[in-house]
C-alpha atoms as a PDB file:
ATOM      1  CA  MET A   1     137.328 100.522  95.799  1.00  0.00           C
ATOM      2  CA  ALA A   2     137.903  99.002  92.347  1.00  0.00           C
ATOM      3  CA  GLY A   3     137.731 101.453  89.425  1.00  0.00           C
ATOM      4  CA  TRP A   4     135.111  99.582  87.579  1.00  0.00           C
ATOM      5  CA  PHE A   5     132.933  99.369  90.539  1.00  0.00           C
ATOM      6  CA  ARG A   6     133.339 103.044  91.159  1.00  0.00           C
ATOM      7  CA  SER A   7     132.582 103.683  87.459  1.00  0.00           C
ATOM      8  CA  PHE A   8     129.393 101.525  87.681  1.00  0.00           C
ATOM      9  CA  LEU A   9     128.365 103.496  91.028  1.00  0.00           C
ATOM     10  CA  GLU A  10     128.866 106.794  89.362  1.00  0.00           C
ATOM     11  CA  ARG A  11     127.135 106.134  86.240  1.00  0.00           C
ATOM     12  CA  SER A  12     124.125 104.510  87.944  1.00  0.00           C
ATOM     13  CA  GLY A  13     123.746 107.490  90.521  1.00  0.00           C
ATOM     14  CA  LEU A  14     124.516 105.498  93.576  1.00  0.00           C
ATOM     15  CA  LEU A  15     127.657 107.403  94.232  1.00  0.00           C
ATOM     16  CA  ASP A  16     126.996 110.899  95.669  1.00  0.00           C
ATOM     17  CA  PRO A  17     123.559 111.274  93.977  1.00  0.00           C
ATOM     18  CA  ASP A  18     122.066 114.770  93.494  1.00  0.00           C
ATOM     19  CA  PRO A  19     119.583 115.553  94.528  1.00  0.00           C
ATOM     20  CA  VAL A  20     118.922 113.876  97.863  1.00  0.00           C
ATOM     21  CA  GLU A  21     115.556 112.290  97.940  1.00  0.00           C
ATOM     22  CA  GLN A  22     113.647 112.622 101.287  1.00  0.00           C
ATOM     23  CA  PHE A  23     110.898 110.327 102.469  1.00  0.00           C
ATOM     24  CA  ALA A  24     108.778 110.802 105.623  1.00  0.00           C
ATOM     25  CA  GLY A  25     109.598 108.419 108.446  1.00  0.00           C
ATOM     26  CA  ASP A  26     105.942 107.065 108.162  1.00  0.00           C
ATOM     27  CA  ASP A  27     106.016 106.900 104.245  1.00  0.00           C
ATOM     28  CA  ALA A  28     103.923 103.558 103.437  1.00  0.00           C
ATOM     29  CA  ALA A  29     105.847 102.772 100.086  1.00  0.00           C
ATOM     30  CA  MET A  30     109.251 103.305 101.710  1.00  0.00           C
ATOM     31  CA  ALA A  31     108.185 100.995 104.709  1.00  0.00           C
ATOM     32  CA  GLU A  32     107.145  98.431 102.056  1.00  0.00           C
ATOM     33  CA  ALA A  33     110.383  98.598 100.266  1.00  0.00           C
ATOM     34  CA  ARG A  34     112.074  98.006 103.481  1.00  0.00           C
ATOM     35  CA  ARG A  35     110.096  95.181 104.229  1.00  0.00           C
ATOM     36  CA  GLN A  36     110.780  93.603 100.827  1.00  0.00           C
ATOM     37  CA  ALA A  37     114.634  94.211 101.369  1.00  0.00           C
ATOM     38  CA  GLN A  38     114.488  92.514 104.769  1.00  0.00           C
ATOM     39  CA  ALA A  39     112.530  89.575 103.481  1.00  0.00           C
ATOM     40  CA  GLY A  40     115.101  88.954 100.904  1.00  0.00           C
ATOM     41  CA  LEU A  41     118.245  89.527 103.031  1.00  0.00           C
ATOM     42  CA  ALA A  42     118.978  85.906 103.711  1.00  0.00           C
ATOM     43  CA  ASP A  43     119.082  85.286  99.849  1.00  0.00           C
ATOM     44  CA  TYR A  44     121.232  88.396  99.406  1.00  0.00           C
ATOM     45  CA  TRP A  45     123.859  87.165 101.890  1.00  0.00           C
ATOM     46  CA  ALA A  46     123.883  83.677 100.252  1.00  0.00           C
ATOM     47  CA  ARG A  47     124.584  85.076  96.979  1.00  0.00           C
ATOM     48  CA  PHE A  48     127.244  87.778  98.525  1.00  0.00           C
ATOM     49  CA  GLU A  49     129.108  84.816 100.159  1.00  0.00           C
ATOM     50  CA  ALA A  50     129.090  82.489  97.080  1.00  0.00           C
ATOM     51  CA  PRO A  51     128.079  84.680  94.030  1.00  0.00           C
ATOM     52  CA  ALA A  52     127.476  83.034  90.736  1.00  0.00           C
ATOM     53  CA  ASP A  53     129.738  83.763  87.956  1.00  0.00           C
ATOM     54  CA  ASP A  54     127.517  86.579  86.488  1.00  0.00           C
ATOM     55  CA  GLU A  55     126.837  88.211  89.940  1.00  0.00           C
ATOM     56  CA  GLU A  56     128.654  91.121  91.032  1.00  0.00           C
ATOM     57  CA  ALA A  57     128.791  94.730  92.613  1.00  0.00           C
ATOM     58  CA  PHE A  58     127.028  93.646  95.851  1.00  0.00           C
ATOM     59  CA  ILE A  59     125.786  96.725  98.107  1.00  0.00           C
ATOM     60  CA  VAL A  60     123.708  97.409 101.075  1.00  0.00           C
ATOM     61  CA  LYS A  61     121.749 100.694 101.978  1.00  0.00           C
ATOM     62  CA  VAL A  62     122.316 101.224 105.634  1.00  0.00           C
ATOM     63  CA  SER A  63     120.202 103.512 107.841  1.00  0.00           C
ATOM     64  CA  LEU A  64     122.536 105.692 110.201  1.00  0.00           C
ATOM     65  CA  PRO A  65     120.978 107.743 112.964  1.00  0.00           C
ATOM     66  CA  TRP A  66     121.265 111.500 112.594  1.00  0.00           C
ATOM     67  CA  GLY A  67     119.925 113.354 115.593  1.00  0.00           C
ATOM     68  CA  GLN A  68     116.303 112.555 115.989  1.00  0.00           C
ATOM     69  CA  ALA A  69     116.068 111.206 112.054  1.00  0.00           C
ATOM     70  CA  PHE A  70     118.057 108.610 109.972  1.00  0.00           C
ATOM     71  CA  GLU A  71     119.916 108.965 106.835  1.00  0.00           C
ATOM     72  CA  THR A  72     120.274 106.107 104.482  1.00  0.00           C
ATOM     73  CA  ILE A  73     123.532 105.455 102.637  1.00  0.00           C
ATOM     74  CA  TRP A  74     124.664 102.886 100.055  1.00  0.00           C
ATOM     75  CA  ALA A  75     127.764 100.931 101.392  1.00  0.00           C
ATOM     76  CA  VAL A  76     129.802  97.929 100.292  1.00  0.00           C
ATOM     77  CA  PRO A  77     129.645  95.232 102.606  1.00  0.00           C
ATOM     78  CA  ARG A  78     133.160  94.133 103.836  1.00  0.00           C
ATOM     79  CA  ALA A  79     132.544  91.464 106.394  1.00  0.00           C
ATOM     80  CA  ARG A  80     129.713  89.725 108.180  1.00  0.00           C
ATOM     81  CA  VAL A  81     129.783  87.951 111.582  1.00  0.00           C
ATOM     82  CA  ALA A  82     126.596  87.061 112.909  1.00  0.00           C
ATOM     83  CA  ASN A  83     124.047  90.238 112.742  1.00  0.00           C
ATOM     84  CA  LEU A  84     127.032  92.664 112.666  1.00  0.00           C
ATOM     85  CA  VAL A  85     128.015  93.911 109.271  1.00  0.00           C
ATOM     86  CA  THR A  86     131.306  95.980 108.404  1.00  0.00           C
ATOM     87  CA  VAL A  87     130.436  98.450 105.554  1.00  0.00           C
ATOM     88  CA  GLU A  88     132.281 101.077 103.636  1.00  0.00           C
ATOM     89  CA  LEU A  89     130.163 104.080 102.710  1.00  0.00           C
ATOM     90  CA  ILE A  90     129.949 104.662  99.057  1.00  0.00           C
ATOM     91  CA  ASN A  91     127.601 107.622  99.165  1.00  0.00           C
ATOM     92  CA  ARG A  92     128.620 111.032 100.557  1.00  0.00           C
ATOM     93  CA  PRO A  93     126.619 111.411 103.636  1.00  0.00           C
ATOM     94  CA  GLN A  94     124.767 114.727 104.374  1.00  0.00           C
ATOM     95  CA  ASN A  95     125.543 114.105 108.048  1.00  0.00           C
ATOM     96  CA  ARG A  96     129.005 115.399 108.691  1.00  0.00           C
ATOM     97  CA  ALA A  97     129.667 112.874 111.280  1.00  0.00           C
ATOM     98  CA  HIS A  98     130.347 110.391 108.384  1.00  0.00           C
ATOM     99  CA  GLN A  99     132.422 110.708 105.169  1.00  0.00           C
ATOM    100  CA  LEU A 100     132.540 108.950 101.825  1.00  0.00           C
ATOM    101  CA  GLY A 101     134.788 105.628 102.515  1.00  0.00           C
ATOM    102  CA  LYS A 102     134.298 105.512 106.146  1.00  0.00           C
ATOM    103  CA  VAL A 103     134.253 102.178 107.254  1.00  0.00           C
ATOM    104  CA  LEU A 104     131.902 101.205 110.187  1.00  0.00           C
ATOM    105  CA  ASP A 105     129.971  98.485 111.830  1.00  0.00           C
ATOM    106  CA  VAL A 106     126.165  98.264 111.539  1.00  0.00           C
ATOM    107  CA  PHE A 107     123.603  95.768 112.809  1.00  0.00           C
ATOM    108  CA  GLU A 108     121.737  93.793 109.935  1.00  0.00           C
ATOM    109  CA  SER A 109     118.646  95.126 111.294  1.00  0.00           C
ATOM    110  CA  ASP A 110     119.906  98.613 110.074  1.00  0.00           C
ATOM    111  CA  ILE A 111     119.980  97.369 106.427  1.00  0.00           C
ATOM    112  CA  VAL A 112     117.122  98.853 104.827  1.00  0.00           C
ATOM    113  CA  ASP A 113     117.913  97.748 101.070  1.00  0.00           C
ATOM    114  CA  TRP A 114     120.372  95.743  99.112  1.00  0.00           C
ATOM    115  CA  ALA A 115     121.446  95.530  95.495  1.00  0.00           C
ATOM    116  CA  TYR A 116     123.769  93.539  93.121  1.00  0.00           C
ATOM    117  CA  ARG A 117     124.021  92.868  89.242  1.00  0.00           C
ATOM    118  CA  ARG A 118     123.003  89.567  87.839  1.00  0.00           C
ATOM    119  CA  ALA A 119     124.062  89.295  84.143  1.00  0.00           C
ATOM    120  CA  GLY A 120     124.351  93.072  84.064  1.00  0.00           C
ATOM    121  CA  VAL A 121     120.740  93.549  85.495  1.00  0.00           C
ATOM    122  CA  LEU A 122     120.275  95.287  88.996  1.00  0.00           C
ATOM    123  CA  GLN A 123     118.729  93.179  91.466  1.00  0.00           C
ATOM    124  CA  GLY A 124     117.109  94.374  94.604  1.00  0.00           C
ATOM    125  CA  GLY A 125     117.143  98.017  94.963  1.00  0.00           C
ATOM    126  CA  PHE A 126     113.697  98.439  96.295  1.00  0.00           C
ATOM    127  CA  SER A 127     114.145 101.899  97.514  1.00  0.00           C
ATOM    128  CA  GLU A 128     115.900 102.882  94.376  1.00  0.00           C
ATOM    129  CA  ARG A 129     112.652 102.044  92.365  1.00  0.00           C
ATOM    130  CA  LEU A 130     110.692 104.503  94.554  1.00  0.00           C
ATOM    131  CA  MET A 131     113.091 107.105  93.960  1.00  0.00           C
ATOM    132  CA  LEU A 132     112.843 106.665  90.171  1.00  0.00           C
ATOM    133  CA  ASP A 133     109.414 107.809  90.235  1.00  0.00           C
ATOM    134  CA  ARG A 134     110.279 110.983  91.707  1.00  0.00           C
ATOM    135  CA  MET A 135     113.024 112.008  89.382  1.00  0.00           C
ATOM    136  CA  PRO A 136     112.949 113.996  86.082  1.00  0.00           C
ATOM    137  CA  PRO A 137     111.598 111.671  83.236  1.00  0.00           C
ATOM    138  CA  LYS A 138     114.900 111.660  81.442  1.00  0.00           C
ATOM    139  CA  LEU A 139     117.109 110.806  84.385  1.00  0.00           C
ATOM    140  CA  ALA A 140     114.789 108.201  85.695  1.00  0.00           C
ATOM    141  CA  ALA A 141     114.816 106.552  82.177  1.00  0.00           C
ATOM    142  CA  ALA A 142     118.554 106.772  81.988  1.00  0.00           C
ATOM    143  CA  LYS A 143     118.904 104.967  85.219  1.00  0.00           C
ATOM    144  CA  ARG A 144     116.264 102.435  84.388  1.00  0.00           C
ATOM    145  CA  ALA A 145     118.311 101.639  81.187  1.00  0.00           C
ATOM    146  CA  ASP A 146     121.735 101.476  83.312  1.00  0.00           C
ATOM    147  CA  TYR A 147     120.269  99.078  85.677  1.00  0.00           C
ATOM    148  CA  GLY A 148     118.677  96.683  83.058  1.00  0.00           C
ATOM    149  CA  TRP A 149     114.989  97.480  84.095  1.00  0.00           C
END
């Protein structure tokens, strides 16, 4: 992973965040965030495949099964063929079946969020917006400033 990109992820809290935020499987706000992400996925892929000069740092959040539950992890998309996406995990998973840096194939339907920077401002990040509301105010303010929100 490029040094500047890793630095961005560390600064923004997208790499190995602490603490882990948990949402119930039936959380209405998170379901809406996922719906928004899925609705914008076609535009995300178009930008990913042909980014403008001011667009960079494309990432997706994937839902990985863990027993009877799921864990969502930020990842860098590496390739996409039809509805199959090859990604590299950029968060340290809680589930020890996966590890930071692991490359795996996921279905596009397993993508629950996406983000990229346009002119320095984070686009997407629908689930991240929800998590900001649960963070200590100083941390949330610092992240909002870093995201350009």
